Amino acid sequence: MYLNLKGFSLPHGLGVGGSVDTGFRLWIPESLEGCVAGDRDASFAWGPLAGKTGGGKGGREGEFEMEGLEVWGVGGEEAIEAACNAQGEARQMMADNIARARRVDKSKFVDNDFDKEFLLGKTFGQGKRERRGRD
């Protein structure tokens, strides 16, 4: 079983049987378009899953169009509540990390002369001296 929704280097979607390297027996991309159902892999018995479709839009063997997808969850109300709480905590942690990354400690800029002169030149009065020199 393979599920990737966020990673950048691997394909996004749901794969069953096989691997990323060899291809999946059943592959459902996140767009739900261009789904592929192969006829063999090392995990399950051989045989076509979607019949001999001859290819969908792309013309690949075993490609099919998704007409419907039914998702079942098991575990009861406690599992759903725990998952929702964990999701909320993860989202809050991500928001906190983003807020922390956006915050800049401006006191670090005044620790060295290069930053004072080139990045914050007009902040410490150098701009006034330059204007006085032009008058």
N, C-alpha and C. Protein backbone atom coordinates (compact mmCIF):
# COMPACT_ATOMS: atom_id res chain seq x y z
N MET A 1 0.85 -1.17 0.00
CA MET A 1 0.00 0.00 0.00
C MET A 1 0.90 1.23 0.00
N TYR A 2 0.58 2.20 -0.83
CA TYR A 2 1.37 3.42 -0.97
C TYR A 2 0.40 4.59 -1.04
N LEU A 3 0.67 5.62 -0.25
CA LEU A 3 -0.15 6.84 -0.29
C LEU A 3 0.78 8.02 -0.12
N ASN A 4 0.79 8.92 -1.09
CA ASN A 4 1.61 10.13 -1.01
C ASN A 4 0.74 11.31 -1.39
N LEU A 5 0.61 12.25 -0.45
CA LEU A 5 -0.18 13.45 -0.71
C LEU A 5 0.65 14.72 -0.65
N LYS A 6 1.82 14.66 0.02
CA LYS A 6 2.56 15.90 0.26
C LYS A 6 3.97 15.90 -0.29
N GLY A 7 4.60 14.74 -0.42
CA GLY A 7 5.99 14.68 -0.86
C GLY A 7 6.18 15.24 -2.26
N PHE A 8 7.37 15.77 -2.54
CA PHE A 8 7.62 16.39 -3.83
C PHE A 8 8.34 15.47 -4.80
N SER A 9 9.15 14.55 -4.31
CA SER A 9 9.98 13.75 -5.21
C SER A 9 9.29 12.49 -5.70
N LEU A 10 8.18 12.09 -5.10
CA LEU A 10 7.47 10.88 -5.50
C LEU A 10 6.09 11.24 -6.01
N PRO A 11 5.50 10.36 -6.83
CA PRO A 11 4.18 10.68 -7.39
C PRO A 11 3.10 10.74 -6.31
N HIS A 12 2.14 11.64 -6.51
CA HIS A 12 1.03 11.80 -5.58
C HIS A 12 -0.09 10.87 -5.99
N GLY A 13 -0.58 10.08 -5.05
CA GLY A 13 -1.69 9.21 -5.34
C GLY A 13 -1.71 7.99 -4.43
N LEU A 14 -2.55 7.03 -4.79
CA LEU A 14 -2.73 5.80 -4.03
C LEU A 14 -2.32 4.63 -4.90
N GLY A 15 -1.40 3.81 -4.41
CA GLY A 15 -0.94 2.65 -5.15
C GLY A 15 -1.08 1.39 -4.32
N VAL A 16 -1.51 0.30 -4.97
CA VAL A 16 -1.66 -0.98 -4.29
C VAL A 16 -0.96 -2.04 -5.13
N GLY A 17 -0.14 -2.86 -4.48
CA GLY A 17 0.60 -3.90 -5.17
C GLY A 17 1.74 -3.31 -5.97
N GLY A 18 2.92 -3.87 -5.84
CA GLY A 18 4.08 -3.34 -6.55
C GLY A 18 4.77 -2.26 -5.74
N SER A 19 5.48 -1.37 -6.44
CA SER A 19 6.23 -0.31 -5.77
C SER A 19 6.35 0.89 -6.69
N VAL A 20 6.94 1.95 -6.17
CA VAL A 20 7.17 3.16 -6.97
C VAL A 20 8.09 2.83 -8.14
N ASP A 21 9.10 2.00 -7.89
CA ASP A 21 10.08 1.67 -8.93
C ASP A 21 9.50 0.78 -10.03
N THR A 22 8.74 -0.24 -9.64
CA THR A 22 8.23 -1.21 -10.62
C THR A 22 6.85 -0.88 -11.13
N GLY A 23 6.19 0.06 -10.52
CA GLY A 23 4.81 0.39 -10.89
C GLY A 23 3.83 -0.37 -10.00
N PHE A 24 2.67 0.17 -9.85
CA PHE A 24 1.67 -0.42 -8.97
C PHE A 24 0.65 -1.21 -9.77
N ARG A 25 0.12 -2.23 -9.15
CA ARG A 25 -0.94 -3.03 -9.78
C ARG A 25 -2.18 -2.17 -9.96
N LEU A 26 -2.51 -1.42 -8.95
CA LEU A 26 -3.63 -0.49 -9.02
C LEU A 26 -3.09 0.89 -8.64
N TRP A 27 -3.20 1.84 -9.53
CA TRP A 27 -2.69 3.20 -9.29
C TRP A 27 -3.81 4.20 -9.51
N ILE A 28 -4.09 5.00 -8.48
CA ILE A 28 -5.10 6.06 -8.56
C ILE A 28 -4.40 7.37 -8.24
N PRO A 29 -4.12 8.21 -9.24
CA PRO A 29 -3.46 9.49 -8.98
C PRO A 29 -4.39 10.44 -8.24
N GLU A 30 -3.81 11.49 -7.62
CA GLU A 30 -4.62 12.41 -6.82
C GLU A 30 -5.67 13.14 -7.66
N SER A 31 -5.46 13.24 -8.95
CA SER A 31 -6.43 13.90 -9.82
C SER A 31 -7.60 12.98 -10.17
N LEU A 32 -7.47 11.69 -9.86
CA LEU A 32 -8.45 10.65 -10.19
C LEU A 32 -8.61 10.49 -11.70
N GLU A 33 -7.64 10.93 -12.47
CA GLU A 33 -7.64 10.78 -13.92
C GLU A 33 -6.43 9.95 -14.33
N GLY A 34 -6.61 9.09 -15.30
CA GLY A 34 -5.50 8.26 -15.75
C GLY A 34 -5.18 7.14 -14.78
N CYS A 35 -6.19 6.55 -14.16
CA CYS A 35 -5.99 5.43 -13.24
C CYS A 35 -5.54 4.21 -14.03
N VAL A 36 -4.73 3.38 -13.40
CA VAL A 36 -4.20 2.20 -14.08
C VAL A 36 -4.45 0.97 -13.21
N ALA A 37 -4.94 -0.09 -13.84
CA ALA A 37 -5.13 -1.39 -13.19
C ALA A 37 -4.37 -2.42 -14.00
N GLY A 38 -3.24 -2.86 -13.47
CA GLY A 38 -2.42 -3.85 -14.17
C GLY A 38 -2.98 -5.25 -14.00
N ASP A 39 -2.35 -6.23 -14.67
CA ASP A 39 -2.84 -7.59 -14.56
C ASP A 39 -1.91 -8.50 -13.76
N ARG A 40 -0.77 -7.98 -13.30
CA ARG A 40 0.12 -8.81 -12.49
C ARG A 40 1.05 -7.96 -11.64
N ASP A 41 1.44 -8.52 -10.52
CA ASP A 41 2.45 -7.94 -9.64
C ASP A 41 2.90 -9.04 -8.70
N ALA A 42 3.86 -8.74 -7.84
CA ALA A 42 4.41 -9.75 -6.94
C ALA A 42 3.56 -9.96 -5.69
N SER A 43 2.58 -9.11 -5.45
CA SER A 43 1.81 -9.18 -4.21
C SER A 43 0.53 -10.00 -4.31
N PHE A 44 -0.14 -9.96 -5.46
CA PHE A 44 -1.45 -10.58 -5.59
C PHE A 44 -1.47 -11.56 -6.76
N ALA A 45 -2.52 -12.38 -6.84
CA ALA A 45 -2.67 -13.33 -7.95
C ALA A 45 -2.83 -12.58 -9.26
N TRP A 46 -2.34 -13.18 -10.34
CA TRP A 46 -2.39 -12.54 -11.65
C TRP A 46 -3.81 -12.55 -12.20
N GLY A 47 -4.10 -11.57 -13.01
CA GLY A 47 -5.39 -11.47 -13.66
C GLY A 47 -5.79 -10.02 -13.78
N PRO A 48 -6.55 -9.68 -14.81
CA PRO A 48 -6.95 -8.28 -15.00
C PRO A 48 -7.93 -7.81 -13.93
N LEU A 49 -7.72 -6.61 -13.43
CA LEU A 49 -8.63 -6.02 -12.44
C LEU A 49 -9.74 -5.24 -13.11
N ALA A 50 -9.44 -4.63 -14.23
CA ALA A 50 -10.43 -3.77 -14.90
C ALA A 50 -10.82 -4.30 -16.27
N GLY A 51 -10.52 -5.56 -16.55
CA GLY A 51 -10.82 -6.10 -17.86
C GLY A 51 -9.83 -5.58 -18.88
N LYS A 52 -9.98 -5.98 -20.10
CA LYS A 52 -9.11 -5.50 -21.17
C LYS A 52 -9.68 -4.21 -21.71
N THR A 53 -9.25 -3.11 -21.13
CA THR A 53 -9.81 -1.80 -21.48
C THR A 53 -9.20 -1.24 -22.75
N GLY A 54 -7.98 -1.63 -23.07
CA GLY A 54 -7.33 -1.10 -24.26
C GLY A 54 -6.83 0.32 -24.07
N GLY A 55 -6.95 0.84 -22.90
CA GLY A 55 -6.44 2.18 -22.62
C GLY A 55 -7.54 3.21 -22.62
N GLY A 56 -7.37 4.19 -21.77
CA GLY A 56 -8.33 5.29 -21.69
C GLY A 56 -7.84 6.45 -22.52
N LYS A 57 -7.80 7.63 -21.92
CA LYS A 57 -7.37 8.84 -22.63
C LYS A 57 -5.96 8.69 -23.18
N GLY A 58 -5.06 8.17 -22.35
CA GLY A 58 -3.67 8.05 -22.76
C GLY A 58 -3.39 6.83 -23.61
N GLY A 59 -4.33 5.90 -23.69
CA GLY A 59 -4.15 4.72 -24.50
C GLY A 59 -3.29 3.65 -23.86
N ARG A 60 -2.95 3.75 -22.58
CA ARG A 60 -2.14 2.73 -21.92
C ARG A 60 -3.00 1.52 -21.60
N GLU A 61 -2.40 0.35 -21.69
CA GLU A 61 -3.10 -0.88 -21.35
C GLU A 61 -3.48 -0.86 -19.87
N GLY A 62 -4.72 -1.16 -19.57
CA GLY A 62 -5.19 -1.20 -18.20
C GLY A 62 -5.63 0.15 -17.65
N GLU A 63 -5.56 1.20 -18.44
CA GLU A 63 -5.97 2.52 -17.96
C GLU A 63 -7.50 2.59 -17.96
N PHE A 64 -8.04 3.21 -16.93
CA PHE A 64 -9.50 3.31 -16.83
C PHE A 64 -9.90 4.64 -16.25
N GLU A 65 -11.14 4.99 -16.43
CA GLU A 65 -11.70 6.24 -15.89
C GLU A 65 -12.42 5.92 -14.58
N MET A 66 -12.21 6.72 -13.59
CA MET A 66 -12.84 6.52 -12.29
C MET A 66 -14.28 7.02 -12.35
N GLU A 67 -15.22 6.13 -12.09
CA GLU A 67 -16.63 6.52 -12.06
C GLU A 67 -17.09 6.81 -10.64
N GLY A 68 -16.50 6.16 -9.68
CA GLY A 68 -16.87 6.38 -8.29
C GLY A 68 -15.81 5.79 -7.38
N LEU A 69 -15.71 6.33 -6.20
CA LEU A 69 -14.74 5.85 -5.22
C LEU A 69 -15.43 5.82 -3.87
N GLU A 70 -15.46 4.67 -3.26
CA GLU A 70 -16.10 4.52 -1.95
C GLU A 70 -15.00 4.30 -0.92
N VAL A 71 -14.98 5.10 0.11
CA VAL A 71 -13.95 5.02 1.14
C VAL A 71 -14.62 4.61 2.44
N TRP A 72 -14.07 3.61 3.08
CA TRP A 72 -14.61 3.13 4.35
C TRP A 72 -13.61 3.44 5.45
N GLY A 73 -14.11 3.86 6.58
CA GLY A 73 -13.28 4.06 7.76
C GLY A 73 -13.76 3.13 8.85
N VAL A 74 -12.83 2.53 9.57
CA VAL A 74 -13.19 1.63 10.66
C VAL A 74 -12.53 2.12 11.93
N GLY A 75 -13.14 1.83 13.06
CA GLY A 75 -12.54 2.20 14.33
C GLY A 75 -13.51 2.88 15.27
N GLY A 76 -14.64 3.32 14.80
CA GLY A 76 -15.65 3.91 15.67
C GLY A 76 -15.43 5.38 15.93
N GLU A 77 -16.30 5.92 16.78
CA GLU A 77 -16.30 7.36 17.10
C GLU A 77 -15.01 7.80 17.78
N GLU A 78 -14.46 6.94 18.67
CA GLU A 78 -13.24 7.32 19.39
C GLU A 78 -12.07 7.51 18.42
N ALA A 79 -11.97 6.62 17.44
CA ALA A 79 -10.88 6.72 16.47
C ALA A 79 -11.03 7.98 15.62
N ILE A 80 -12.26 8.29 15.24
CA ILE A 80 -12.50 9.50 14.44
C ILE A 80 -12.16 10.74 15.24
N GLU A 81 -12.58 10.77 16.50
CA GLU A 81 -12.30 11.93 17.35
C GLU A 81 -10.79 12.08 17.59
N ALA A 82 -10.10 10.95 17.84
CA ALA A 82 -8.65 11.01 18.05
C ALA A 82 -7.95 11.50 16.79
N ALA A 83 -8.40 11.04 15.62
CA ALA A 83 -7.79 11.47 14.36
C ALA A 83 -8.02 12.95 14.13
N CYS A 84 -9.23 13.43 14.41
CA CYS A 84 -9.52 14.86 14.24
C CYS A 84 -8.69 15.71 15.19
N ASN A 85 -8.53 15.25 16.43
CA ASN A 85 -7.71 15.98 17.40
C ASN A 85 -6.25 16.02 16.95
N ALA A 86 -5.74 14.87 16.48
CA ALA A 86 -4.36 14.82 16.02
C ALA A 86 -4.16 15.72 14.81
N GLN A 87 -5.14 15.76 13.92
CA GLN A 87 -5.05 16.62 12.75
C GLN A 87 -5.04 18.09 13.17
N GLY A 88 -5.88 18.45 14.14
CA GLY A 88 -5.90 19.83 14.63
C GLY A 88 -4.58 20.22 15.27
N GLU A 89 -4.00 19.30 16.06
CA GLU A 89 -2.71 19.57 16.69
C GLU A 89 -1.61 19.74 15.64
N ALA A 90 -1.63 18.89 14.62
CA ALA A 90 -0.62 18.99 13.56
C ALA A 90 -0.74 20.31 12.81
N ARG A 91 -1.98 20.72 12.53
CA ARG A 91 -2.18 21.99 11.83
C ARG A 91 -1.74 23.17 12.70
N GLN A 92 -2.01 23.11 14.00
CA GLN A 92 -1.59 24.18 14.90
C GLN A 92 -0.07 24.25 14.98
N MET A 93 0.58 23.08 15.04
CA MET A 93 2.04 23.04 15.09
C MET A 93 2.63 23.64 13.82
N MET A 94 2.04 23.32 12.67
CA MET A 94 2.52 23.87 11.41
C MET A 94 2.32 25.38 11.36
N ALA A 95 1.18 25.86 11.84
CA ALA A 95 0.92 27.30 11.86
C ALA A 95 1.90 28.00 12.79
N ASP A 96 2.20 27.40 13.95
CA ASP A 96 3.17 27.98 14.88
C ASP A 96 4.56 28.04 14.25
N ASN A 97 4.95 26.98 13.55
CA ASN A 97 6.26 26.97 12.90
C ASN A 97 6.36 28.02 11.81
N ILE A 98 5.29 28.20 11.05
CA ILE A 98 5.29 29.23 10.00
C ILE A 98 5.38 30.61 10.63
N ALA A 99 4.62 30.85 11.70
CA ALA A 99 4.66 32.15 12.38
C ALA A 99 6.05 32.41 12.96
N ARG A 100 6.68 31.38 13.52
CA ARG A 100 8.01 31.53 14.09
C ARG A 100 9.03 31.82 12.99
N ALA A 101 8.88 31.20 11.83
CA ALA A 101 9.81 31.44 10.72
C ALA A 101 9.64 32.84 10.15
N ARG A 102 8.45 33.40 10.23
CA ARG A 102 8.21 34.74 9.69
C ARG A 102 8.74 35.84 10.61
N ARG A 103 8.88 35.53 11.88
CA ARG A 103 9.36 36.51 12.84
C ARG A 103 10.86 36.70 12.68
N VAL A 104 11.30 37.93 12.59
CA VAL A 104 12.72 38.24 12.41
C VAL A 104 13.22 38.95 13.66
N ASP A 105 14.35 38.48 14.18
CA ASP A 105 14.98 39.13 15.32
C ASP A 105 15.83 40.28 14.79
N LYS A 106 15.29 41.49 14.79
CA LYS A 106 15.96 42.64 14.20
C LYS A 106 17.20 43.06 14.97
N SER A 107 17.30 42.66 16.23
CA SER A 107 18.49 43.03 17.00
C SER A 107 19.74 42.35 16.44
N LYS A 108 19.59 41.24 15.74
CA LYS A 108 20.74 40.55 15.15
C LYS A 108 21.36 41.37 14.02
N PHE A 109 20.56 42.23 13.37
CA PHE A 109 21.08 43.04 12.28
C PHE A 109 22.06 44.10 12.78
N VAL A 110 21.92 44.57 13.98
CA VAL A 110 22.78 45.65 14.47
C VAL A 110 24.03 45.12 15.15
N ASP A 111 24.23 43.80 15.13
CA ASP A 111 25.40 43.22 15.78
C ASP A 111 26.68 43.44 14.99
N ASN A 112 26.58 43.65 13.67
CA ASN A 112 27.83 43.85 12.92
C ASN A 112 27.71 45.10 12.04
N ASP A 113 28.86 45.66 11.71
CA ASP A 113 28.91 46.93 10.97
C ASP A 113 28.42 46.79 9.53
N PHE A 114 28.64 45.64 8.89
CA PHE A 114 28.20 45.46 7.52
C PHE A 114 26.69 45.64 7.42
N ASP A 115 25.95 44.96 8.29
CA ASP A 115 24.49 45.07 8.26
C ASP A 115 24.05 46.50 8.55
N LYS A 116 24.70 47.14 9.52
CA LYS A 116 24.32 48.52 9.85
C LYS A 116 24.52 49.44 8.65
N GLU A 117 25.62 49.27 7.95
CA GLU A 117 25.95 50.18 6.86
C GLU A 117 25.16 49.89 5.59
N PHE A 118 25.08 48.64 5.18
CA PHE A 118 24.50 48.32 3.88
C PHE A 118 23.02 47.96 3.92
N LEU A 119 22.58 47.28 4.97
CA LEU A 119 21.17 46.87 5.03
C LEU A 119 20.30 47.89 5.75
N LEU A 120 20.87 48.53 6.74
CA LEU A 120 20.09 49.47 7.55
C LEU A 120 20.72 50.85 7.55
N GLY A 121 21.25 51.26 6.41
CA GLY A 121 22.01 52.51 6.32
C GLY A 121 21.27 53.74 6.79
N LYS A 122 20.03 53.90 6.40
CA LYS A 122 19.29 55.11 6.77
C LYS A 122 18.65 55.01 8.14
N THR A 123 18.70 53.85 8.73
CA THR A 123 18.07 53.65 10.04
C THR A 123 18.86 54.32 11.15
N PHE A 124 20.18 54.34 11.05
CA PHE A 124 21.01 54.84 12.14
C PHE A 124 21.58 56.22 11.87
N GLY A 125 20.97 56.99 10.99
CA GLY A 125 21.37 58.37 10.81
C GLY A 125 22.33 58.62 9.68
N GLN A 126 22.82 57.58 9.00
CA GLN A 126 23.74 57.81 7.89
C GLN A 126 23.04 58.57 6.77
N GLY A 127 21.76 58.37 6.59
CA GLY A 127 21.01 59.06 5.54
C GLY A 127 21.01 60.55 5.75
N LYS A 128 20.94 61.02 7.01
CA LYS A 128 20.95 62.45 7.30
C LYS A 128 22.29 63.06 6.92
N ARG A 129 23.37 62.32 7.23
CA ARG A 129 24.69 62.84 6.89
C ARG A 129 24.86 62.94 5.38
N GLU A 130 24.34 61.96 4.64
CA GLU A 130 24.45 62.00 3.19
C GLU A 130 23.68 63.19 2.63
N ARG A 131 22.49 63.47 3.17
CA ARG A 131 21.70 64.60 2.68
C ARG A 131 22.40 65.91 3.01
N ARG A 132 23.00 66.00 4.20
CA ARG A 132 23.70 67.23 4.57
C ARG A 132 24.88 67.47 3.64
N GLY A 133 25.55 66.41 3.21
CA GLY A 133 26.69 66.55 2.32
C GLY A 133 26.29 67.02 0.94
N ARG A 134 25.07 66.73 0.51
CA ARG A 134 24.60 67.13 -0.81
C ARG A 134 24.16 68.59 -0.82
N ASP A 135 23.75 69.14 0.31
CA ASP A 135 23.25 70.52 0.36
C ASP A 135 24.31 71.54 0.10
